[in-house]
Amino acid sequence: MSNPTDLKVKGNWNEQKGKLKQKFATLTDNDLMYEEGKKDEMLGKLQIKLGKSKEELKKIMDL
């Protein structure tokens, strides 16, 4: 059974993912695939693809 907090994070991530795809048309669902415990890995990939710093990404994503 899923933890209600996990559902909230997943729902919030789906919203964030939509915003990122609108702002950066080059992003794909694969680029934005969130796996529990791998947020930093995903952010690293986004930094490389978008040429943004971690701080810039966090501001964009409201993390």
N, C-alpha and C. Protein backbone atom coordinates (compact mmCIF):
# COMPACT_ATOMS: atom_id res chain seq x y z
N MET A 1 0.84 -1.19 0.00
CA MET A 1 0.00 0.00 0.00
C MET A 1 0.88 1.25 0.00
N SER A 2 0.54 2.22 -0.78
CA SER A 2 1.33 3.45 -0.89
C SER A 2 1.10 4.35 0.30
N ASN A 3 2.15 5.02 0.67
CA ASN A 3 2.09 6.01 1.73
C ASN A 3 1.43 7.27 1.15
N PRO A 4 0.48 7.90 1.86
CA PRO A 4 -0.16 9.12 1.34
C PRO A 4 0.85 10.21 0.97
N THR A 5 1.95 10.29 1.70
CA THR A 5 2.97 11.29 1.39
C THR A 5 3.59 11.01 0.03
N ASP A 6 3.83 9.72 -0.29
CA ASP A 6 4.37 9.34 -1.59
C ASP A 6 3.44 9.80 -2.70
N LEU A 7 2.15 9.65 -2.49
CA LEU A 7 1.18 10.06 -3.50
C LEU A 7 1.22 11.56 -3.71
N LYS A 8 1.38 12.32 -2.62
CA LYS A 8 1.45 13.77 -2.72
C LYS A 8 2.69 14.19 -3.52
N VAL A 9 3.83 13.57 -3.22
CA VAL A 9 5.06 13.88 -3.94
C VAL A 9 4.89 13.54 -5.41
N LYS A 10 4.32 12.38 -5.70
CA LYS A 10 4.13 11.96 -7.08
C LYS A 10 3.19 12.92 -7.80
N GLY A 11 2.11 13.32 -7.16
CA GLY A 11 1.18 14.27 -7.76
C GLY A 11 1.84 15.61 -8.00
N ASN A 12 2.59 16.07 -7.02
CA ASN A 12 3.31 17.33 -7.14
C ASN A 12 4.35 17.22 -8.25
N TRP A 13 5.03 16.07 -8.36
CA TRP A 13 6.03 15.89 -9.39
C TRP A 13 5.38 15.93 -10.78
N ASN A 14 4.20 15.32 -10.91
CA ASN A 14 3.50 15.35 -12.21
C ASN A 14 3.21 16.78 -12.62
N GLU A 15 2.85 17.61 -11.67
CA GLU A 15 2.59 19.03 -11.94
C GLU A 15 3.89 19.73 -12.36
N GLN A 16 4.97 19.48 -11.61
CA GLN A 16 6.27 20.08 -11.93
C GLN A 16 6.75 19.64 -13.31
N LYS A 17 6.57 18.37 -13.60
CA LYS A 17 6.99 17.81 -14.88
C LYS A 17 6.30 18.53 -16.03
N GLY A 18 5.01 18.78 -15.88
CA GLY A 18 4.25 19.50 -16.91
C GLY A 18 4.79 20.91 -17.12
N LYS A 19 5.11 21.59 -16.02
CA LYS A 19 5.66 22.95 -16.12
C LYS A 19 7.01 22.94 -16.82
N LEU A 20 7.86 21.97 -16.47
CA LEU A 20 9.18 21.88 -17.09
C LEU A 20 9.08 21.61 -18.59
N LYS A 21 8.16 20.73 -18.97
CA LYS A 21 8.00 20.40 -20.39
C LYS A 21 7.49 21.60 -21.17
N GLN A 22 6.65 22.44 -20.54
CA GLN A 22 6.18 23.65 -21.21
C GLN A 22 7.32 24.65 -21.38
N LYS A 23 8.15 24.77 -20.36
CA LYS A 23 9.24 25.75 -20.38
C LYS A 23 10.41 25.30 -21.25
N PHE A 24 10.67 23.99 -21.27
CA PHE A 24 11.80 23.44 -22.02
C PHE A 24 11.30 22.34 -22.95
N ALA A 25 11.00 22.71 -24.17
CA ALA A 25 10.40 21.79 -25.14
C ALA A 25 11.29 20.59 -25.46
N THR A 26 12.58 20.69 -25.18
CA THR A 26 13.49 19.58 -25.50
C THR A 26 13.41 18.43 -24.50
N LEU A 27 12.75 18.65 -23.36
CA LEU A 27 12.66 17.60 -22.35
C LEU A 27 11.64 16.55 -22.74
N THR A 28 11.96 15.31 -22.45
CA THR A 28 11.06 14.19 -22.73
C THR A 28 10.59 13.59 -21.41
N ASP A 29 9.59 12.72 -21.47
CA ASP A 29 9.14 12.02 -20.27
C ASP A 29 10.30 11.22 -19.67
N ASN A 30 11.14 10.68 -20.53
CA ASN A 30 12.28 9.89 -20.06
C ASN A 30 13.25 10.76 -19.26
N ASP A 31 13.46 12.00 -19.70
CA ASP A 31 14.33 12.93 -18.97
C ASP A 31 13.78 13.23 -17.59
N LEU A 32 12.48 13.21 -17.47
CA LEU A 32 11.81 13.63 -16.24
C LEU A 32 11.27 12.46 -15.42
N MET A 33 11.78 11.26 -15.69
CA MET A 33 11.32 10.09 -14.95
C MET A 33 11.85 10.15 -13.53
N TYR A 34 10.94 10.26 -12.58
CA TYR A 34 11.31 10.35 -11.16
C TYR A 34 11.29 8.97 -10.55
N GLU A 35 12.39 8.58 -9.96
CA GLU A 35 12.46 7.33 -9.20
C GLU A 35 12.80 7.67 -7.77
N GLU A 36 12.11 7.04 -6.86
CA GLU A 36 12.33 7.26 -5.44
C GLU A 36 13.81 7.10 -5.11
N GLY A 37 14.38 8.08 -4.43
CA GLY A 37 15.77 8.02 -4.02
C GLY A 37 16.77 8.42 -5.10
N LYS A 38 16.28 8.78 -6.29
CA LYS A 38 17.20 9.13 -7.38
C LYS A 38 16.98 10.55 -7.89
N LYS A 39 16.48 11.41 -7.02
CA LYS A 39 16.21 12.79 -7.42
C LYS A 39 17.49 13.49 -7.86
N ASP A 40 18.58 13.29 -7.11
CA ASP A 40 19.84 13.96 -7.44
C ASP A 40 20.37 13.51 -8.79
N GLU A 41 20.22 12.22 -9.09
CA GLU A 41 20.66 11.69 -10.38
C GLU A 41 19.86 12.34 -11.52
N MET A 42 18.56 12.44 -11.33
CA MET A 42 17.70 13.05 -12.34
C MET A 42 18.06 14.53 -12.51
N LEU A 43 18.28 15.23 -11.40
CA LEU A 43 18.64 16.65 -11.48
C LEU A 43 19.96 16.83 -12.22
N GLY A 44 20.90 15.92 -12.00
CA GLY A 44 22.18 15.98 -12.70
C GLY A 44 21.99 15.87 -14.21
N LYS A 45 21.13 14.95 -14.62
CA LYS A 45 20.86 14.78 -16.06
C LYS A 45 20.20 16.04 -16.63
N LEU A 46 19.28 16.62 -15.88
CA LEU A 46 18.61 17.85 -16.33
C LEU A 46 19.60 19.01 -16.42
N GLN A 47 20.51 19.09 -15.46
CA GLN A 47 21.53 20.15 -15.49
C GLN A 47 22.33 20.08 -16.79
N ILE A 48 22.75 18.88 -17.14
CA ILE A 48 23.54 18.69 -18.36
C ILE A 48 22.72 19.03 -19.60
N LYS A 49 21.51 18.50 -19.66
CA LYS A 49 20.68 18.69 -20.85
C LYS A 49 20.29 20.16 -21.05
N LEU A 50 19.99 20.86 -19.95
CA LEU A 50 19.51 22.24 -20.04
C LEU A 50 20.61 23.28 -19.86
N GLY A 51 21.78 22.85 -19.42
CA GLY A 51 22.87 23.80 -19.19
C GLY A 51 22.58 24.73 -18.03
N LYS A 52 21.90 24.24 -17.02
CA LYS A 52 21.54 25.04 -15.84
C LYS A 52 22.28 24.52 -14.62
N SER A 53 22.50 25.38 -13.64
CA SER A 53 23.09 24.94 -12.37
C SER A 53 22.01 24.27 -11.53
N LYS A 54 22.45 23.56 -10.50
CA LYS A 54 21.51 22.91 -9.59
C LYS A 54 20.61 23.95 -8.93
N GLU A 55 21.19 25.10 -8.57
CA GLU A 55 20.42 26.17 -7.93
C GLU A 55 19.36 26.72 -8.89
N GLU A 56 19.74 26.90 -10.16
CA GLU A 56 18.78 27.39 -11.16
C GLU A 56 17.62 26.41 -11.32
N LEU A 57 17.95 25.12 -11.38
CA LEU A 57 16.90 24.11 -11.51
C LEU A 57 15.97 24.11 -10.31
N LYS A 58 16.55 24.23 -9.12
CA LYS A 58 15.72 24.23 -7.91
C LYS A 58 14.77 25.43 -7.90
N LYS A 59 15.23 26.58 -8.37
CA LYS A 59 14.36 27.75 -8.44
C LYS A 59 13.24 27.52 -9.45
N ILE A 60 13.59 26.98 -10.60
CA ILE A 60 12.61 26.71 -11.65
C ILE A 60 11.56 25.72 -11.16
N MET A 61 12.02 24.71 -10.43
CA MET A 61 11.14 23.62 -10.01
C MET A 61 10.53 23.83 -8.65
N ASP A 62 10.88 24.90 -7.96
CA ASP A 62 10.36 25.13 -6.59
C ASP A 62 10.66 23.98 -5.65
N LEU A 63 11.88 23.44 -5.68
CA LEU A 63 12.23 22.32 -4.79
C LEU A 63 12.66 22.81 -3.44
